[in-house]
N, C-alpha and C. Protein backbone atom coordinates (compact mmCIF):
# COMPACT_ATOMS: atom_id res chain seq x y z
N UNK A 1 -86.72 115.82 152.50
CA UNK A 1 -88.06 116.20 152.95
C UNK A 1 -88.24 115.81 154.45
N UNK A 2 -88.90 116.65 155.24
CA UNK A 2 -89.21 116.34 156.58
C UNK A 2 -90.61 116.00 156.76
N UNK A 3 -90.92 115.12 157.73
CA UNK A 3 -92.27 114.87 158.14
C UNK A 3 -92.49 115.14 159.57
N UNK A 4 -93.47 115.92 159.99
CA UNK A 4 -93.79 116.25 161.32
C UNK A 4 -95.00 115.54 161.78
N UNK A 5 -94.88 114.80 162.86
CA UNK A 5 -95.98 114.08 163.46
C UNK A 5 -96.47 114.94 164.68
N UNK A 6 -97.74 115.27 164.78
CA UNK A 6 -98.28 116.03 165.89
C UNK A 6 -99.21 115.03 166.67
N UNK A 7 -98.93 114.86 167.95
CA UNK A 7 -99.72 114.03 168.85
C UNK A 7 -100.42 114.96 169.81
N UNK A 8 -101.75 114.96 169.72
CA UNK A 8 -102.59 115.79 170.71
C UNK A 8 -103.05 114.79 171.80
N UNK A 9 -102.51 115.04 172.98
CA UNK A 9 -102.79 114.12 174.13
C UNK A 9 -103.11 114.90 175.36
N UNK A 10 -103.58 114.26 176.40
CA UNK A 10 -103.71 114.76 177.71
C UNK A 10 -102.27 115.18 178.19
N UNK A 11 -102.14 116.24 178.84
CA UNK A 11 -100.76 116.79 179.17
C UNK A 11 -99.91 115.90 179.98
N UNK A 12 -100.49 114.96 180.79
CA UNK A 12 -99.79 114.04 181.57
C UNK A 12 -98.94 113.09 180.69
N UNK A 13 -99.29 112.95 179.42
CA UNK A 13 -98.49 112.03 178.49
C UNK A 13 -97.35 112.67 177.74
N UNK A 14 -97.18 114.02 178.06
CA UNK A 14 -96.11 114.69 177.28
C UNK A 14 -94.75 114.11 177.56
N UNK A 15 -94.35 113.92 178.86
CA UNK A 15 -93.00 113.43 179.13
C UNK A 15 -92.76 112.01 178.57
N UNK A 16 -93.72 111.06 178.74
CA UNK A 16 -93.52 109.78 178.14
C UNK A 16 -93.40 109.81 176.63
N UNK A 17 -94.06 110.66 175.91
CA UNK A 17 -93.93 110.76 174.51
C UNK A 17 -92.60 111.38 174.10
N UNK A 18 -92.04 112.33 174.86
CA UNK A 18 -90.81 112.91 174.55
C UNK A 18 -89.70 111.86 174.74
N UNK A 19 -89.95 110.93 175.80
CA UNK A 19 -88.99 109.80 175.98
C UNK A 19 -89.05 108.83 174.80
N UNK A 20 -90.23 108.60 174.30
CA UNK A 20 -90.40 107.76 173.10
C UNK A 20 -89.70 108.33 171.94
N UNK A 21 -89.79 109.64 171.79
CA UNK A 21 -89.18 110.30 170.64
C UNK A 21 -87.71 110.11 170.69
N UNK A 22 -87.14 110.26 171.91
CA UNK A 22 -85.62 110.13 172.14
C UNK A 22 -85.21 108.69 171.76
N UNK A 23 -86.05 107.69 172.16
CA UNK A 23 -85.66 106.32 171.77
C UNK A 23 -85.76 106.06 170.27
N UNK A 24 -86.57 106.81 169.56
CA UNK A 24 -86.76 106.62 168.15
C UNK A 24 -85.79 107.52 167.32
N UNK A 25 -85.03 108.30 168.05
CA UNK A 25 -84.07 109.19 167.38
C UNK A 25 -84.64 110.35 166.69
N UNK A 26 -85.78 110.83 167.23
CA UNK A 26 -86.47 111.98 166.63
C UNK A 26 -86.34 113.25 167.40
N UNK A 27 -86.24 114.40 166.71
CA UNK A 27 -86.32 115.65 167.36
C UNK A 27 -87.77 115.81 167.78
N UNK A 28 -88.02 116.44 168.97
CA UNK A 28 -89.36 116.66 169.49
C UNK A 28 -89.45 117.96 170.24
N UNK A 29 -90.63 118.53 170.26
CA UNK A 29 -90.94 119.72 171.00
C UNK A 29 -92.36 119.71 171.31
N UNK A 30 -92.84 120.47 172.27
CA UNK A 30 -94.25 120.39 172.70
C UNK A 30 -94.74 121.77 173.17
N UNK A 31 -96.09 121.91 173.21
CA UNK A 31 -96.70 123.13 173.61
C UNK A 31 -98.13 122.75 174.07
N UNK A 32 -98.49 123.32 175.23
CA UNK A 32 -99.87 123.07 175.72
C UNK A 32 -100.90 123.72 174.85
N UNK A 33 -102.04 123.17 174.83
CA UNK A 33 -103.28 123.79 174.06
C UNK A 33 -103.92 124.80 175.01
N UNK A 34 -104.02 126.00 174.55
CA UNK A 34 -104.68 127.02 175.32
C UNK A 34 -105.72 127.70 174.53
N UNK A 35 -106.70 128.30 175.25
CA UNK A 35 -107.80 128.99 174.59
C UNK A 35 -108.00 130.33 175.29
N UNK A 36 -108.49 131.32 174.69
CA UNK A 36 -108.77 132.65 175.30
C UNK A 36 -109.69 132.48 176.53
N UNK A 37 -109.38 133.21 177.58
CA UNK A 37 -110.21 133.19 178.76
C UNK A 37 -111.52 133.93 178.58
N UNK A 38 -112.63 133.26 178.92
CA UNK A 38 -113.95 133.93 178.76
C UNK A 38 -114.08 135.22 179.54
N UNK A 39 -114.37 136.30 178.80
CA UNK A 39 -114.45 137.61 179.44
C UNK A 39 -113.10 138.16 179.88
N UNK A 40 -111.96 137.53 179.46
CA UNK A 40 -110.66 138.04 179.86
C UNK A 40 -110.05 138.98 178.84
N UNK A 41 -108.87 139.46 179.24
CA UNK A 41 -108.17 140.39 178.31
C UNK A 41 -107.55 139.63 177.20
N UNK A 42 -106.71 140.42 176.35
CA UNK A 42 -106.12 139.69 175.16
C UNK A 42 -105.13 138.68 175.59
N UNK A 43 -104.39 138.87 176.76
CA UNK A 43 -103.34 137.93 177.15
C UNK A 43 -103.85 136.93 178.13
N UNK A 44 -105.17 136.93 178.43
CA UNK A 44 -105.65 135.96 179.46
C UNK A 44 -106.04 134.70 178.70
N UNK A 45 -105.41 133.60 179.15
CA UNK A 45 -105.70 132.24 178.47
C UNK A 45 -106.00 131.22 179.59
N UNK A 46 -106.60 130.13 179.09
CA UNK A 46 -106.91 128.98 179.92
C UNK A 46 -106.25 127.73 179.35
N UNK A 47 -105.65 126.93 180.14
CA UNK A 47 -105.07 125.71 179.72
C UNK A 47 -106.16 124.68 179.52
N UNK A 48 -106.20 124.00 178.45
CA UNK A 48 -107.23 122.98 178.19
C UNK A 48 -106.94 121.61 178.86
N UNK A 49 -105.70 121.38 179.28
CA UNK A 49 -105.35 120.06 179.79
C UNK A 49 -104.83 119.18 178.72
N UNK A 50 -104.65 119.64 177.52
CA UNK A 50 -104.10 118.89 176.48
C UNK A 50 -102.85 119.55 175.94
N UNK A 51 -101.92 118.75 175.41
CA UNK A 51 -100.66 119.22 174.89
C UNK A 51 -100.45 118.66 173.50
N UNK A 52 -99.85 119.43 172.58
CA UNK A 52 -99.43 118.91 171.26
C UNK A 52 -97.98 118.59 171.39
N UNK A 53 -97.61 117.39 171.14
CA UNK A 53 -96.21 116.99 171.02
C UNK A 53 -95.86 116.73 169.61
N UNK A 54 -94.88 117.38 169.08
CA UNK A 54 -94.55 117.23 167.68
C UNK A 54 -93.18 116.54 167.54
N UNK A 55 -93.09 115.60 166.62
CA UNK A 55 -91.87 114.83 166.36
C UNK A 55 -91.52 114.99 164.97
N UNK A 56 -90.20 115.20 164.71
CA UNK A 56 -89.73 115.52 163.37
C UNK A 56 -88.78 114.44 162.85
N UNK A 57 -89.11 113.91 161.68
CA UNK A 57 -88.36 112.81 161.05
C UNK A 57 -87.94 113.22 159.65
N UNK A 58 -86.89 112.59 159.14
CA UNK A 58 -86.45 112.77 157.79
C UNK A 58 -86.93 111.67 156.90
N UNK A 59 -87.71 111.95 155.83
CA UNK A 59 -88.29 110.99 154.95
C UNK A 59 -87.22 110.35 154.14
N UNK A 60 -86.01 110.83 154.14
CA UNK A 60 -84.90 110.30 153.41
C UNK A 60 -84.09 109.31 154.25
N UNK A 61 -83.79 109.78 155.46
CA UNK A 61 -82.85 109.02 156.31
C UNK A 61 -83.56 108.03 157.31
N UNK A 62 -84.89 108.18 157.42
CA UNK A 62 -85.62 107.38 158.40
C UNK A 62 -86.90 106.77 157.76
N UNK A 63 -87.29 105.61 158.32
CA UNK A 63 -88.48 104.96 157.80
C UNK A 63 -89.69 105.59 158.50
N UNK A 64 -90.23 106.60 157.85
CA UNK A 64 -91.36 107.40 158.48
C UNK A 64 -92.63 106.51 158.65
N UNK A 65 -92.83 105.61 157.63
CA UNK A 65 -93.99 104.70 157.79
C UNK A 65 -93.98 103.85 159.08
N UNK A 66 -92.77 103.31 159.30
CA UNK A 66 -92.54 102.42 160.53
C UNK A 66 -92.69 103.31 161.76
N UNK A 67 -92.19 104.58 161.72
CA UNK A 67 -92.24 105.48 162.86
C UNK A 67 -93.76 105.77 163.15
N UNK A 68 -94.46 106.06 162.17
CA UNK A 68 -95.87 106.35 162.40
C UNK A 68 -96.63 105.15 162.97
N UNK A 69 -96.36 103.94 162.48
CA UNK A 69 -96.93 102.76 163.05
C UNK A 69 -96.60 102.58 164.45
N UNK A 70 -95.29 102.87 164.81
CA UNK A 70 -94.86 102.67 166.16
C UNK A 70 -95.54 103.68 167.10
N UNK A 71 -95.71 104.92 166.63
CA UNK A 71 -96.35 105.95 167.41
C UNK A 71 -97.83 105.54 167.69
N UNK A 72 -98.50 105.16 166.62
CA UNK A 72 -99.88 104.78 166.81
C UNK A 72 -100.09 103.58 167.69
N UNK A 73 -99.16 102.64 167.51
CA UNK A 73 -99.26 101.40 168.38
C UNK A 73 -98.99 101.71 169.85
N UNK A 74 -97.99 102.54 170.09
CA UNK A 74 -97.73 102.95 171.50
C UNK A 74 -98.86 103.66 172.06
N UNK A 75 -99.54 104.52 171.36
CA UNK A 75 -100.68 105.29 171.85
C UNK A 75 -101.87 104.38 172.15
N UNK A 76 -102.10 103.45 171.26
CA UNK A 76 -103.20 102.47 171.51
C UNK A 76 -102.97 101.63 172.74
N UNK A 77 -101.75 101.24 172.97
CA UNK A 77 -101.46 100.44 174.14
C UNK A 77 -101.24 101.12 175.39
N UNK A 78 -100.88 102.37 175.42
CA UNK A 78 -100.44 103.06 176.58
C UNK A 78 -101.38 104.11 177.06
N UNK A 79 -101.91 104.90 176.15
CA UNK A 79 -102.75 106.08 176.56
C UNK A 79 -104.15 105.59 176.85
N UNK A 80 -104.59 106.03 177.95
CA UNK A 80 -106.06 105.84 178.34
C UNK A 80 -106.81 107.15 178.09
N UNK A 81 -107.64 107.08 177.16
CA UNK A 81 -108.38 108.39 176.77
C UNK A 81 -108.14 108.76 175.38
N UNK A 82 -108.43 109.98 175.07
CA UNK A 82 -108.45 110.46 173.67
C UNK A 82 -107.01 110.78 173.23
N UNK A 83 -106.63 110.51 172.02
CA UNK A 83 -105.38 110.92 171.45
C UNK A 83 -105.61 111.01 169.91
N UNK A 84 -104.74 111.74 169.26
CA UNK A 84 -104.85 111.97 167.84
C UNK A 84 -103.41 112.17 167.27
N UNK A 85 -103.13 111.50 166.21
CA UNK A 85 -101.86 111.69 165.45
C UNK A 85 -102.23 112.32 164.05
N UNK A 86 -101.57 113.42 163.75
CA UNK A 86 -101.67 113.95 162.43
C UNK A 86 -100.23 114.20 161.88
N UNK A 87 -100.10 114.26 160.53
CA UNK A 87 -98.77 114.47 160.01
C UNK A 87 -98.79 115.56 158.90
N UNK A 88 -97.60 116.13 158.67
CA UNK A 88 -97.44 117.11 157.62
C UNK A 88 -96.08 117.03 157.03
N UNK A 89 -95.98 117.05 155.73
CA UNK A 89 -94.67 116.99 155.04
C UNK A 89 -94.19 118.39 154.66
N UNK A 90 -92.89 118.55 154.76
CA UNK A 90 -92.26 119.89 154.44
C UNK A 90 -91.16 119.61 153.39
N UNK A 91 -91.08 120.49 152.41
CA UNK A 91 -90.02 120.42 151.45
C UNK A 91 -88.71 120.96 152.16
N UNK A 92 -87.62 120.70 151.46
CA UNK A 92 -86.35 121.09 152.05
C UNK A 92 -86.17 122.58 152.32
N UNK A 93 -86.82 123.39 151.49
CA UNK A 93 -86.72 124.86 151.60
C UNK A 93 -87.85 125.54 152.33
N UNK A 94 -88.69 124.65 152.99
CA UNK A 94 -89.87 125.21 153.73
C UNK A 94 -89.62 125.37 155.27
N UNK A 95 -90.04 126.46 155.86
CA UNK A 95 -89.80 126.72 157.23
C UNK A 95 -90.87 125.91 157.98
N UNK A 96 -90.49 124.70 158.57
CA UNK A 96 -91.37 123.85 159.24
C UNK A 96 -91.84 124.38 160.56
N UNK A 97 -91.04 125.34 161.16
CA UNK A 97 -91.46 125.93 162.44
C UNK A 97 -92.50 127.04 162.32
N UNK A 98 -92.72 127.56 161.14
CA UNK A 98 -93.57 128.75 160.94
C UNK A 98 -94.93 128.49 161.44
N UNK A 99 -95.59 127.40 161.00
CA UNK A 99 -96.95 127.18 161.44
C UNK A 99 -96.98 126.78 162.89
N UNK A 100 -95.98 126.15 163.43
CA UNK A 100 -95.94 125.75 164.83
C UNK A 100 -95.92 126.97 165.75
N UNK A 101 -95.42 128.13 165.30
CA UNK A 101 -95.35 129.31 166.12
C UNK A 101 -96.73 129.73 166.62
N UNK A 102 -97.76 129.44 165.90
CA UNK A 102 -99.13 129.85 166.29
C UNK A 102 -99.40 129.25 167.67
N UNK A 103 -98.85 128.14 168.08
CA UNK A 103 -99.10 127.51 169.37
C UNK A 103 -98.54 128.30 170.52
N UNK A 104 -97.52 129.12 170.32
CA UNK A 104 -96.84 129.86 171.42
C UNK A 104 -97.44 131.18 171.59
N UNK A 105 -98.14 131.41 172.69
CA UNK A 105 -98.76 132.70 172.98
C UNK A 105 -98.12 133.25 174.33
N UNK A 106 -98.21 134.55 174.50
CA UNK A 106 -97.73 135.16 175.80
C UNK A 106 -98.35 134.46 176.94
N UNK A 107 -97.60 134.24 177.98
CA UNK A 107 -98.09 133.60 179.22
C UNK A 107 -97.81 134.56 180.42
N UNK A 108 -98.76 134.66 181.29
CA UNK A 108 -98.60 135.39 182.47
C UNK A 108 -98.40 134.43 183.66
N UNK A 109 -97.36 134.68 184.45
CA UNK A 109 -97.18 133.92 185.66
C UNK A 109 -97.28 134.76 186.85
N UNK A 110 -98.31 134.54 187.60
CA UNK A 110 -98.64 135.47 188.73
C UNK A 110 -99.07 136.83 188.10
N UNK A 111 -98.90 137.90 188.78
CA UNK A 111 -99.31 139.19 188.32
C UNK A 111 -98.10 140.00 187.88
N UNK A 112 -96.87 139.50 187.94
CA UNK A 112 -95.70 140.34 187.73
C UNK A 112 -94.79 139.85 186.58
N UNK A 113 -95.04 138.64 186.09
CA UNK A 113 -94.14 138.02 185.09
C UNK A 113 -94.88 137.72 183.80
N UNK A 114 -94.30 138.10 182.69
CA UNK A 114 -94.82 137.73 181.38
C UNK A 114 -93.71 137.10 180.56
N UNK A 115 -94.08 135.94 179.94
CA UNK A 115 -93.19 135.24 179.12
C UNK A 115 -93.83 135.17 177.69
N UNK A 116 -93.09 135.71 176.72
CA UNK A 116 -93.63 135.75 175.33
C UNK A 116 -92.53 135.49 174.32
N UNK A 117 -92.94 134.91 173.18
CA UNK A 117 -92.02 134.76 172.08
C UNK A 117 -91.67 136.11 171.45
N UNK A 118 -90.50 136.26 170.85
CA UNK A 118 -90.11 137.56 170.26
C UNK A 118 -91.01 138.01 169.13
N UNK A 119 -91.71 137.11 168.44
CA UNK A 119 -92.58 137.48 167.28
C UNK A 119 -93.97 137.99 167.78
N UNK A 120 -94.27 137.82 169.00
CA UNK A 120 -95.57 138.24 169.58
C UNK A 120 -95.57 139.75 169.97
N UNK A 121 -96.72 140.36 169.83
CA UNK A 121 -96.73 141.81 170.31
C UNK A 121 -96.77 141.84 171.79
N UNK A 122 -96.23 142.91 172.35
CA UNK A 122 -96.21 143.08 173.76
C UNK A 122 -97.62 143.02 174.37
N UNK A 123 -97.80 142.51 175.55
CA UNK A 123 -99.09 142.38 176.21
C UNK A 123 -99.36 143.72 176.87
N UNK A 124 -100.61 143.84 177.28
CA UNK A 124 -101.08 145.12 178.00
C UNK A 124 -100.30 145.23 179.30
N UNK A 125 -99.89 146.47 179.63
CA UNK A 125 -99.13 146.78 180.80
C UNK A 125 -97.78 145.97 180.91
N UNK A 126 -97.18 145.62 179.82
CA UNK A 126 -96.01 144.78 179.84
C UNK A 126 -94.84 145.51 180.54
N UNK A 127 -94.77 146.88 180.42
CA UNK A 127 -93.69 147.60 180.95
C UNK A 127 -93.70 147.55 182.52
N UNK A 128 -94.83 147.26 183.13
CA UNK A 128 -94.98 147.22 184.54
C UNK A 128 -94.64 145.77 185.10
N UNK A 129 -94.33 144.87 184.16
CA UNK A 129 -94.02 143.52 184.55
C UNK A 129 -92.60 143.19 184.22
N UNK A 130 -92.10 142.05 184.74
CA UNK A 130 -90.83 141.56 184.30
C UNK A 130 -91.02 140.66 183.08
N UNK A 131 -90.56 141.04 182.00
CA UNK A 131 -90.80 140.36 180.68
C UNK A 131 -89.59 139.50 180.35
N UNK A 132 -89.86 138.28 179.96
CA UNK A 132 -88.83 137.29 179.41
C UNK A 132 -89.22 137.01 178.00
N UNK A 133 -88.23 137.24 177.03
CA UNK A 133 -88.48 136.89 175.66
C UNK A 133 -87.87 135.51 175.44
N UNK A 134 -88.58 134.62 175.06
CA UNK A 134 -88.18 133.26 174.83
C UNK A 134 -88.60 132.70 173.49
N UNK A 135 -87.55 132.40 172.69
CA UNK A 135 -87.78 131.71 171.48
C UNK A 135 -87.53 130.20 171.78
N UNK A 136 -88.57 129.35 171.89
CA UNK A 136 -88.46 128.07 172.36
C UNK A 136 -87.59 127.11 171.54
N UNK A 137 -87.50 127.38 170.23
CA UNK A 137 -86.67 126.52 169.39
C UNK A 137 -86.96 125.02 169.64
N UNK A 138 -85.93 124.26 169.98
CA UNK A 138 -86.15 122.85 170.22
C UNK A 138 -85.88 122.53 171.66
N UNK A 139 -85.97 123.55 172.53
CA UNK A 139 -85.55 123.41 173.95
C UNK A 139 -86.62 123.10 174.94
N UNK A 140 -87.83 122.95 174.53
CA UNK A 140 -89.04 122.67 175.41
C UNK A 140 -89.07 123.67 176.55
N UNK A 141 -89.06 124.92 176.21
CA UNK A 141 -89.17 125.90 177.36
C UNK A 141 -89.95 127.07 177.01
N UNK A 142 -91.29 127.03 177.34
CA UNK A 142 -92.11 128.22 176.99
C UNK A 142 -92.74 128.79 178.25
N UNK A 143 -92.43 128.23 179.45
CA UNK A 143 -92.97 128.74 180.63
C UNK A 143 -94.30 128.09 181.06
N UNK A 144 -94.74 127.24 180.22
CA UNK A 144 -96.05 126.59 180.56
C UNK A 144 -95.93 125.37 181.38
N UNK A 145 -94.80 124.71 181.41
CA UNK A 145 -94.61 123.51 182.20
C UNK A 145 -94.81 123.84 183.68
N UNK A 146 -95.51 122.93 184.37
CA UNK A 146 -95.87 123.18 185.75
C UNK A 146 -94.58 123.38 186.63
N UNK A 147 -93.56 122.73 186.40
CA UNK A 147 -92.34 122.84 187.22
C UNK A 147 -91.79 124.27 187.06
N UNK A 148 -91.69 124.70 185.78
CA UNK A 148 -91.20 126.04 185.53
C UNK A 148 -92.06 127.13 186.16
N UNK A 149 -93.37 127.04 185.98
CA UNK A 149 -94.28 127.93 186.56
C UNK A 149 -94.22 128.03 188.10
N UNK A 150 -94.17 126.84 188.76
CA UNK A 150 -94.10 126.82 190.15
C UNK A 150 -92.78 127.40 190.72
N UNK A 151 -91.68 127.07 189.94
CA UNK A 151 -90.42 127.69 190.36
C UNK A 151 -90.41 129.21 190.27
N UNK A 152 -90.99 129.76 189.20
CA UNK A 152 -91.07 131.14 189.04
C UNK A 152 -91.90 131.83 190.17
N UNK A 153 -93.00 131.13 190.51
CA UNK A 153 -93.85 131.70 191.56
C UNK A 153 -93.14 131.63 192.91
N UNK A 154 -92.30 130.65 193.19
CA UNK A 154 -91.55 130.57 194.39
C UNK A 154 -90.49 131.62 194.35
N UNK A 155 -89.71 131.81 193.28
CA UNK A 155 -88.69 132.75 193.16
C UNK A 155 -89.20 134.22 193.26
N UNK A 156 -90.48 134.42 192.82
CA UNK A 156 -90.99 135.79 192.86
C UNK A 156 -91.23 136.25 194.30
N UNK A 157 -91.21 135.31 195.27
CA UNK A 157 -91.40 135.66 196.60
C UNK A 157 -90.02 135.79 197.34
N UNK A 158 -88.95 135.59 196.57
CA UNK A 158 -87.61 135.63 197.19
C UNK A 158 -86.89 136.92 196.70
N UNK A 159 -85.76 137.21 197.29
CA UNK A 159 -84.94 138.28 196.84
C UNK A 159 -83.54 137.78 196.40
N UNK A 160 -83.43 137.48 195.11
CA UNK A 160 -82.17 136.90 194.62
C UNK A 160 -80.99 137.81 194.38
N UNK A 161 -81.26 139.04 194.62
CA UNK A 161 -80.19 140.12 194.32
C UNK A 161 -78.88 139.79 195.11
N UNK A 162 -77.84 139.75 194.27
CA UNK A 162 -76.52 139.44 194.85
C UNK A 162 -76.17 137.99 195.08
N UNK A 163 -77.18 137.13 194.84
CA UNK A 163 -76.90 135.65 195.13
C UNK A 163 -76.34 134.89 193.96
N UNK A 164 -75.89 133.67 194.17
CA UNK A 164 -75.36 132.77 193.11
C UNK A 164 -76.21 131.53 193.08
N UNK A 165 -76.60 131.17 191.86
CA UNK A 165 -77.62 130.06 191.70
C UNK A 165 -77.09 129.09 190.66
N UNK A 166 -77.69 127.85 190.77
CA UNK A 166 -77.50 126.81 189.71
C UNK A 166 -78.84 126.59 189.09
N UNK A 167 -78.92 126.52 187.79
CA UNK A 167 -80.11 126.18 187.05
C UNK A 167 -79.85 124.81 186.35
N UNK A 168 -80.22 123.73 186.96
CA UNK A 168 -79.86 122.50 186.47
C UNK A 168 -81.01 121.99 185.49
N UNK A 169 -80.65 121.67 184.23
CA UNK A 169 -81.60 121.41 183.26
C UNK A 169 -82.28 122.68 182.84
N UNK A 170 -81.46 123.58 182.40
CA UNK A 170 -81.88 124.99 182.07
C UNK A 170 -82.79 125.15 180.96
N UNK A 171 -82.78 124.27 180.01
CA UNK A 171 -83.68 124.34 178.82
C UNK A 171 -83.49 125.61 178.07
N UNK A 172 -84.53 126.34 177.87
CA UNK A 172 -84.45 127.62 177.13
C UNK A 172 -84.00 128.76 177.94
N UNK A 173 -83.78 128.59 179.26
CA UNK A 173 -83.12 129.62 180.10
C UNK A 173 -84.08 130.46 180.93
N UNK A 174 -85.39 130.14 180.98
CA UNK A 174 -86.33 131.00 181.68
C UNK A 174 -85.99 131.33 183.11
N UNK A 175 -85.64 130.30 183.89
CA UNK A 175 -85.33 130.63 185.30
C UNK A 175 -84.06 131.38 185.49
N UNK A 176 -83.03 131.02 184.59
CA UNK A 176 -81.76 131.68 184.65
C UNK A 176 -81.88 133.21 184.32
N UNK A 177 -82.70 133.55 183.30
CA UNK A 177 -82.87 134.93 182.93
C UNK A 177 -83.72 135.72 183.93
N UNK A 178 -84.65 134.96 184.56
CA UNK A 178 -85.49 135.62 185.58
C UNK A 178 -84.54 136.09 186.73
N UNK A 179 -83.76 135.19 187.20
CA UNK A 179 -82.85 135.45 188.31
C UNK A 179 -81.84 136.62 187.96
N UNK A 180 -81.28 136.57 186.78
CA UNK A 180 -80.37 137.59 186.44
C UNK A 180 -81.04 138.97 186.23
N UNK A 181 -82.25 138.98 185.72
CA UNK A 181 -83.00 140.23 185.56
C UNK A 181 -83.40 140.78 186.97
N UNK A 182 -83.35 139.90 188.01
CA UNK A 182 -83.62 140.43 189.37
C UNK A 182 -82.37 140.55 190.13
N UNK A 183 -81.25 140.78 189.38
CA UNK A 183 -80.01 141.26 189.99
C UNK A 183 -79.26 140.11 190.69
N UNK A 184 -79.52 138.84 190.35
CA UNK A 184 -78.66 137.79 190.85
C UNK A 184 -77.17 138.03 190.41
N UNK A 185 -76.23 137.78 191.27
CA UNK A 185 -74.82 138.05 190.92
C UNK A 185 -74.38 137.06 189.80
N UNK A 186 -74.73 135.86 189.98
CA UNK A 186 -74.22 134.76 189.09
C UNK A 186 -75.23 133.63 189.03
N UNK A 187 -75.44 133.11 187.78
CA UNK A 187 -76.28 131.89 187.59
C UNK A 187 -75.48 131.00 186.65
N UNK A 188 -75.26 129.75 187.09
CA UNK A 188 -74.69 128.76 186.18
C UNK A 188 -75.86 127.83 185.60
N UNK A 189 -75.96 127.97 184.28
CA UNK A 189 -77.06 127.21 183.59
C UNK A 189 -76.43 125.88 183.09
N UNK A 190 -76.94 124.82 183.57
CA UNK A 190 -76.40 123.51 183.23
C UNK A 190 -77.42 122.77 182.36
N UNK A 191 -76.96 122.23 181.22
CA UNK A 191 -77.84 121.58 180.32
C UNK A 191 -77.17 120.49 179.59
N UNK A 192 -77.82 119.32 179.44
CA UNK A 192 -77.23 118.19 178.72
C UNK A 192 -77.40 118.18 177.26
N UNK A 193 -78.42 118.87 176.82
CA UNK A 193 -78.74 118.82 175.39
C UNK A 193 -78.05 119.98 174.63
N UNK A 194 -77.32 119.60 173.59
CA UNK A 194 -76.52 120.65 172.89
C UNK A 194 -77.39 121.70 172.17
N UNK A 195 -78.43 121.22 171.40
CA UNK A 195 -79.27 122.26 170.79
C UNK A 195 -79.94 123.25 171.75
N UNK A 196 -80.32 122.63 173.01
CA UNK A 196 -80.90 123.46 173.98
C UNK A 196 -79.95 124.56 174.42
N UNK A 197 -78.68 124.24 174.58
CA UNK A 197 -77.67 125.23 174.95
C UNK A 197 -77.53 126.34 173.99
N UNK A 198 -77.52 125.98 172.65
CA UNK A 198 -77.46 126.94 171.64
C UNK A 198 -78.65 127.90 171.71
N UNK A 199 -79.82 127.34 171.97
CA UNK A 199 -81.04 128.11 172.05
C UNK A 199 -81.00 129.06 173.29
N UNK A 200 -80.50 128.52 174.40
CA UNK A 200 -80.33 129.32 175.63
C UNK A 200 -79.39 130.54 175.34
N UNK A 201 -78.35 130.35 174.65
CA UNK A 201 -77.40 131.46 174.28
C UNK A 201 -78.15 132.53 173.46
N UNK A 202 -78.94 132.06 172.52
CA UNK A 202 -79.80 132.97 171.68
C UNK A 202 -80.75 133.71 172.53
N UNK A 203 -81.38 133.08 173.50
CA UNK A 203 -82.33 133.79 174.30
C UNK A 203 -81.74 134.74 175.26
N UNK A 204 -80.44 134.43 175.61
CA UNK A 204 -79.72 135.39 176.50
C UNK A 204 -79.54 136.72 175.74
N UNK A 205 -79.31 136.64 174.51
CA UNK A 205 -79.16 137.84 173.71
C UNK A 205 -80.49 138.53 173.55
N UNK A 206 -81.56 137.87 173.41
CA UNK A 206 -82.93 138.49 173.26
C UNK A 206 -83.27 139.21 174.57
N UNK A 207 -82.77 138.66 175.70
CA UNK A 207 -83.11 139.29 176.97
C UNK A 207 -81.97 140.21 177.48
N UNK A 208 -81.01 140.53 176.63
CA UNK A 208 -79.94 141.53 176.84
C UNK A 208 -79.15 141.14 178.20
N UNK A 209 -78.88 139.88 178.30
CA UNK A 209 -78.13 139.36 179.46
C UNK A 209 -76.68 139.62 179.18
N UNK A 210 -76.02 140.52 179.95
CA UNK A 210 -74.71 140.91 179.62
C UNK A 210 -73.63 140.29 180.57
N UNK A 211 -73.95 139.97 181.80
CA UNK A 211 -72.96 139.39 182.64
C UNK A 211 -73.69 138.49 183.70
N UNK A 212 -72.81 137.73 184.42
CA UNK A 212 -73.34 136.85 185.46
C UNK A 212 -73.75 135.43 185.01
N UNK A 213 -73.75 135.24 183.63
CA UNK A 213 -74.17 133.95 183.13
C UNK A 213 -73.03 133.06 182.80
N UNK A 214 -73.07 131.86 183.31
CA UNK A 214 -72.11 130.76 182.92
C UNK A 214 -72.97 129.66 182.36
N UNK A 215 -72.61 129.17 181.17
CA UNK A 215 -73.35 128.05 180.48
C UNK A 215 -72.43 126.84 180.51
N UNK A 216 -72.98 125.70 181.02
CA UNK A 216 -72.18 124.54 181.16
C UNK A 216 -72.92 123.38 180.48
N UNK A 217 -72.23 122.62 179.57
CA UNK A 217 -72.76 121.46 178.92
C UNK A 217 -72.31 120.22 179.75
N UNK A 218 -73.37 119.69 180.40
CA UNK A 218 -73.08 118.65 181.37
C UNK A 218 -72.72 117.28 180.59
């Protein structure tokens, strides 16, 4: 059986909690909390400033009681402000990612880029935008992280056609696929995490990336 701990915190605590999860030997993934934009379209959302960080533990192989106590203790001592820990148990034959998919919604970056999970319906006017299909899996890559969003905005003002690029810490492959879809000659995607690399290759298929991609496990 698996137990998933969900920590709802201010977004600035996302990276420290992911580091804590790594030290505890837990799988972890995260998604920002978003709400529909007032008077906006179906795909218009507003970031609330909070993030849900989920940590996954085995109730058979790990001491989940001690893990929960450690998480709560760390939050009490470290986080200034509101935080909340909830938990949910999953049987061995239950899809524990199914309910978490509701957190992943299409995201617009600027006026020309849309990032959405493959199970989501296309957004309005999607054919006039550059669309990236991303199944985040365990790779922490949905396009909502500030670094990814800022890099996309910067790249959108460049002409990568025919160029060669390195994507260091490629995650789910968002920047890599964006460059290749804009006719970059070659992108080498470098990632240290094995599951993230597997997810990147899966996303390459979703985005019909046929050439120019080199994947390196650092």
